[in-house]
């Protein structure tokens, strides 16, 4: 038995489909991990497009087609494939309803939630809001509603959303990602020892959990698992 809790840090963006899929897969792995009650997850901020500004005619299909200089049929096929992958993880993606938005404010609210051990609950609400429910996750009323739904006080939420609170915390996470060399998300770091990039199979996560637990003595440096095909989103798109 280890004397401390195994910590998993996950860099992720609300606008990243593989981040939601990866969340489900690590959760499935943890469900089959005998020491799951001794594992803590910390969500770290990452923005795929920090300069994104939404316009009224934006939608996922048109955005992808324009970004990659492809036709609409290509973009529709791409979103259909991701939707099918999500379904295999028990998720319902509705890209036709998705409202594209800048995720910075959502990340700031996540840092508030983290203070009260509600980070995972709010992360789930934000991902579901964007990918399934078609809500604007940069709308302050929507963010307030989601925050209250997980147990944050209305006053605390308002104090964050109507100020620049936690902006430095978000930027610090992003800077750390750059220092580590993270180019795509989701990105999982197991007690600063091992790292996995992308929404890998449940078995891959379970192996990392078991190996980290068995070794017990955690090191500062981590080893990146590059053996399996990446399934992540980067600033240039999703693979």
Protein backbone atom coordinates (compact mmCIF):
# COMPACT_ATOMS: atom_id res chain seq x y z
CA UNK A 1 0.00 0.00 0.00
CA UNK A 2 1.15 3.53 -0.73
CA UNK A 3 1.25 6.15 1.98
CA UNK A 4 -0.19 8.89 -0.19
CA UNK A 5 -2.83 9.47 -2.82
CA UNK A 6 -2.12 8.81 -6.47
CA UNK A 7 -2.68 12.10 -8.29
CA UNK A 8 -3.70 12.33 -11.93
CA UNK A 9 -3.45 15.71 -13.63
CA UNK A 10 -5.47 16.10 -16.83
CA UNK A 11 -4.95 18.98 -19.25
CA UNK A 12 -8.18 19.43 -21.16
CA UNK A 13 -10.40 21.94 -22.99
CA UNK A 14 -14.18 22.12 -22.87
CA UNK A 15 -14.29 22.50 -26.66
CA UNK A 16 -12.34 19.26 -27.26
CA UNK A 17 -14.46 16.19 -28.14
CA UNK A 18 -11.72 13.72 -27.27
CA UNK A 19 -11.42 15.34 -23.84
CA UNK A 20 -14.98 14.22 -23.04
CA UNK A 21 -14.32 10.77 -24.49
CA UNK A 22 -11.06 10.55 -22.56
CA UNK A 23 -12.86 11.51 -19.37
CA UNK A 24 -15.21 8.56 -19.78
CA UNK A 25 -12.38 6.16 -20.56
CA UNK A 26 -10.28 7.11 -17.53
CA UNK A 27 -13.43 6.82 -15.43
CA UNK A 28 -14.04 3.33 -16.81
CA UNK A 29 -10.46 2.37 -16.00
CA UNK A 30 -10.80 3.70 -12.46
CA UNK A 31 -14.01 1.72 -11.99
CA UNK A 32 -11.92 -1.44 -12.49
CA UNK A 33 -8.98 -0.25 -10.40
CA UNK A 34 -8.99 -1.74 -6.87
CA UNK A 35 -7.43 1.36 -5.29
CA UNK A 36 -9.70 3.91 -6.99
CA UNK A 37 -10.61 5.50 -3.65
CA UNK A 38 -6.96 6.50 -3.26
CA UNK A 39 -6.83 8.31 -6.62
CA UNK A 40 -7.50 12.03 -7.07
CA UNK A 41 -8.00 13.84 -10.37
CA UNK A 42 -7.00 17.45 -10.96
CA UNK A 43 -8.29 19.15 -14.10
CA UNK A 44 -5.81 21.54 -15.68
CA UNK A 45 -6.72 24.31 -18.11
CA UNK A 46 -5.84 24.21 -21.81
CA UNK A 47 -7.27 26.21 -24.72
CA UNK A 48 -7.23 24.86 -28.25
CA UNK A 49 -7.99 28.32 -29.65
CA UNK A 50 -7.42 31.02 -27.01
CA UNK A 51 -8.12 33.82 -29.50
CA UNK A 52 -11.43 32.42 -30.74
CA UNK A 53 -14.30 34.91 -31.04
CA UNK A 54 -17.68 33.49 -31.94
CA UNK A 55 -19.97 35.00 -34.54
CA UNK A 56 -23.67 34.35 -35.06
CA UNK A 57 -23.18 32.20 -38.16
CA UNK A 58 -20.53 29.95 -36.57
CA UNK A 59 -21.20 26.24 -36.31
CA UNK A 60 -18.90 23.26 -35.94
CA UNK A 61 -19.26 21.92 -39.49
CA UNK A 62 -18.68 25.26 -41.20
CA UNK A 63 -15.81 26.04 -38.85
CA UNK A 64 -14.04 22.75 -39.60
CA UNK A 65 -14.55 23.09 -43.35
CA UNK A 66 -13.15 26.61 -43.33
CA UNK A 67 -10.27 25.81 -41.00
CA UNK A 68 -9.05 22.84 -43.04
CA UNK A 69 -10.10 24.24 -46.41
CA UNK A 70 -12.34 21.27 -47.06
CA UNK A 71 -15.92 20.96 -48.23
CA UNK A 72 -18.96 20.63 -46.00
CA UNK A 73 -19.33 16.92 -46.76
CA UNK A 74 -15.85 16.26 -45.38
CA UNK A 75 -16.62 18.18 -42.19
CA UNK A 76 -19.93 16.37 -41.75
CA UNK A 77 -18.21 13.01 -42.10
CA UNK A 78 -15.58 14.03 -39.57
CA UNK A 79 -18.16 15.04 -36.96
CA UNK A 80 -20.16 11.87 -37.67
CA UNK A 81 -17.09 9.73 -36.99
CA UNK A 82 -16.37 11.53 -33.71
CA UNK A 83 -20.03 11.20 -32.73
CA UNK A 84 -19.83 7.45 -33.27
CA UNK A 85 -16.65 7.22 -31.20
CA UNK A 86 -18.37 9.17 -28.44
CA UNK A 87 -21.35 6.82 -28.56
CA UNK A 88 -19.05 3.87 -27.90
CA UNK A 89 -18.06 5.66 -24.68
CA UNK A 90 -21.70 6.17 -23.71
CA UNK A 91 -21.87 9.81 -24.77
CA UNK A 92 -24.34 11.61 -27.03
CA UNK A 93 -22.72 14.32 -29.13
CA UNK A 94 -24.96 16.78 -30.95
CA UNK A 95 -22.63 18.84 -33.10
CA UNK A 96 -25.61 20.29 -34.95
CA UNK A 97 -26.65 22.04 -31.72
CA UNK A 98 -23.18 22.94 -30.43
CA UNK A 99 -22.60 26.66 -29.84
CA UNK A 100 -18.97 27.52 -30.44
CA UNK A 101 -17.46 29.72 -27.75
CA UNK A 102 -14.24 30.80 -26.11
CA UNK A 103 -13.61 28.58 -23.09
CA UNK A 104 -11.55 30.97 -20.94
CA UNK A 105 -14.38 31.96 -18.57
CA UNK A 106 -15.41 28.33 -18.16
CA UNK A 107 -11.83 27.49 -17.17
CA UNK A 108 -11.84 30.31 -14.63
CA UNK A 109 -15.03 28.91 -13.10
CA UNK A 110 -13.44 25.46 -12.99
CA UNK A 111 -10.66 26.85 -10.82
CA UNK A 112 -13.27 28.15 -8.40
CA UNK A 113 -14.93 24.73 -8.36
CA UNK A 114 -11.56 23.09 -7.69
CA UNK A 115 -11.28 25.05 -4.43
CA UNK A 116 -14.36 23.23 -3.17
CA UNK A 117 -13.52 19.79 -4.60
CA UNK A 118 -16.19 20.28 -7.26
CA UNK A 119 -13.88 20.47 -10.26
CA UNK A 120 -14.79 17.06 -11.67
CA UNK A 121 -18.52 17.68 -11.24
CA UNK A 122 -18.35 21.04 -13.03
CA UNK A 123 -16.11 19.65 -15.78
CA UNK A 124 -18.80 17.06 -16.50
CA UNK A 125 -21.51 19.71 -16.57
CA UNK A 126 -19.54 21.93 -18.95
CA UNK A 127 -18.71 19.14 -21.39
CA UNK A 128 -22.31 17.92 -21.41
CA UNK A 129 -23.58 21.45 -21.86
CA UNK A 130 -21.46 21.98 -24.97
CA UNK A 131 -21.44 18.59 -26.68
CA UNK A 132 -24.88 17.26 -25.76
CA UNK A 133 -27.20 20.07 -24.70
CA UNK A 134 -26.18 22.81 -27.13
CA UNK A 135 -25.57 25.46 -24.47
CA UNK A 136 -23.25 28.43 -24.74
CA UNK A 137 -20.48 27.75 -22.23
CA UNK A 138 -19.26 31.35 -22.47
CA UNK A 139 -22.64 32.80 -21.55
CA UNK A 140 -22.45 34.11 -17.98
CA UNK A 141 -26.01 33.07 -17.09
CA UNK A 142 -25.34 29.56 -18.37
CA UNK A 143 -22.08 29.34 -16.45
CA UNK A 144 -23.83 30.54 -13.31
CA UNK A 145 -26.55 27.93 -13.78
CA UNK A 146 -24.00 25.13 -14.25
CA UNK A 147 -21.96 26.27 -11.28
CA UNK A 148 -24.97 26.37 -8.98
CA UNK A 149 -26.02 22.91 -10.21
CA UNK A 150 -22.84 21.38 -8.77
CA UNK A 151 -23.08 23.25 -5.47
CA UNK A 152 -21.20 26.52 -5.93
CA UNK A 153 -22.79 29.55 -4.33
CA UNK A 154 -24.33 32.16 -6.60
CA UNK A 155 -22.33 34.93 -4.93
CA UNK A 156 -19.02 33.12 -5.41
CA UNK A 157 -19.85 32.46 -9.06
CA UNK A 158 -20.82 36.08 -9.69
CA UNK A 159 -17.66 37.34 -8.02
CA UNK A 160 -15.57 35.24 -10.42
CA UNK A 161 -17.48 35.85 -13.63
CA UNK A 162 -17.67 39.62 -13.13
CA UNK A 163 -13.97 39.99 -12.43
CA UNK A 164 -10.70 38.58 -13.71
CA UNK A 165 -10.46 36.08 -10.82
CA UNK A 166 -8.48 32.91 -11.60
CA UNK A 167 -7.23 34.31 -14.92
CA UNK A 168 -3.66 33.86 -13.71
CA UNK A 169 -4.43 30.30 -12.61
CA UNK A 170 -5.72 29.44 -16.10
CA UNK A 171 -2.69 31.01 -17.74
CA UNK A 172 -0.37 29.20 -15.32
CA UNK A 173 -1.87 25.84 -16.35
CA UNK A 174 -1.42 26.71 -20.01
CA UNK A 175 2.16 27.86 -19.45
CA UNK A 176 2.91 24.61 -17.62
CA UNK A 177 1.51 22.66 -20.55
CA UNK A 178 3.89 24.50 -22.88
CA UNK A 179 6.84 23.81 -20.60
CA UNK A 180 6.00 20.11 -20.51
CA UNK A 181 5.61 20.08 -24.29
CA UNK A 182 1.90 19.30 -24.46
CA UNK A 183 0.69 19.83 -28.02
CA UNK A 184 -2.71 18.18 -27.79
CA UNK A 185 -5.36 17.28 -25.26
CA UNK A 186 -6.47 15.38 -23.32
CA UNK A 187 -3.11 14.83 -21.66
CA UNK A 188 -2.85 12.71 -18.51
CA UNK A 189 0.03 12.79 -16.03
CA UNK A 190 0.15 10.06 -13.37
CA UNK A 191 1.87 11.36 -10.23
CA UNK A 192 4.53 13.14 -12.28
CA UNK A 193 5.88 9.78 -13.40
CA UNK A 194 4.03 8.64 -16.51
CA UNK A 195 2.03 10.53 -19.12
CA UNK A 196 -0.53 9.47 -21.69
CA UNK A 197 -1.58 11.66 -24.59
CA UNK A 198 -5.04 11.32 -26.08
CA UNK A 199 -8.27 9.46 -25.32
CA UNK A 200 -6.63 6.07 -25.25
CA UNK A 201 -8.36 2.75 -24.62
CA UNK A 202 -9.51 1.91 -21.11
CA UNK A 203 -6.87 -0.84 -20.95
CA UNK A 204 -4.08 1.70 -21.54
CA UNK A 205 -5.26 3.83 -18.63
CA UNK A 206 -5.68 0.80 -16.39
CA UNK A 207 -2.13 -0.34 -17.12
CA UNK A 208 -0.81 3.12 -16.26
CA UNK A 209 -2.77 3.12 -13.00
CA UNK A 210 -1.48 -0.30 -12.04
CA UNK A 211 2.12 0.42 -12.96
CA UNK A 212 2.18 3.74 -11.10
CA UNK A 213 0.61 2.16 -8.04
CA UNK A 214 2.95 -0.83 -8.00
CA UNK A 215 6.10 1.26 -8.27
CA UNK A 216 5.00 3.35 -5.31
CA UNK A 217 7.94 5.75 -5.17
CA UNK A 218 7.01 8.59 -7.51
CA UNK A 219 9.56 10.56 -9.48
CA UNK A 220 9.46 14.13 -10.77
CA UNK A 221 10.07 13.22 -14.38
CA UNK A 222 7.53 11.30 -16.43
CA UNK A 223 7.76 9.02 -19.44
CA UNK A 224 5.39 9.64 -22.36
CA UNK A 225 3.56 6.58 -23.67
CA UNK A 226 3.74 6.82 -27.47
CA UNK A 227 3.00 3.19 -28.24
CA UNK A 228 -0.67 3.59 -29.15
CA UNK A 229 -2.36 5.79 -31.71
CA UNK A 230 -3.12 9.28 -30.51
CA UNK A 231 -6.71 10.44 -30.18
CA UNK A 232 -6.57 14.04 -29.16
CA UNK A 233 -7.16 17.62 -30.17
CA UNK A 234 -4.40 20.16 -30.73
CA UNK A 235 -4.25 23.73 -31.91
CA UNK A 236 -4.23 22.41 -35.49
CA UNK A 237 -7.27 20.17 -34.99
CA UNK A 238 -8.31 16.73 -33.81
CA UNK A 239 -6.68 13.44 -34.80
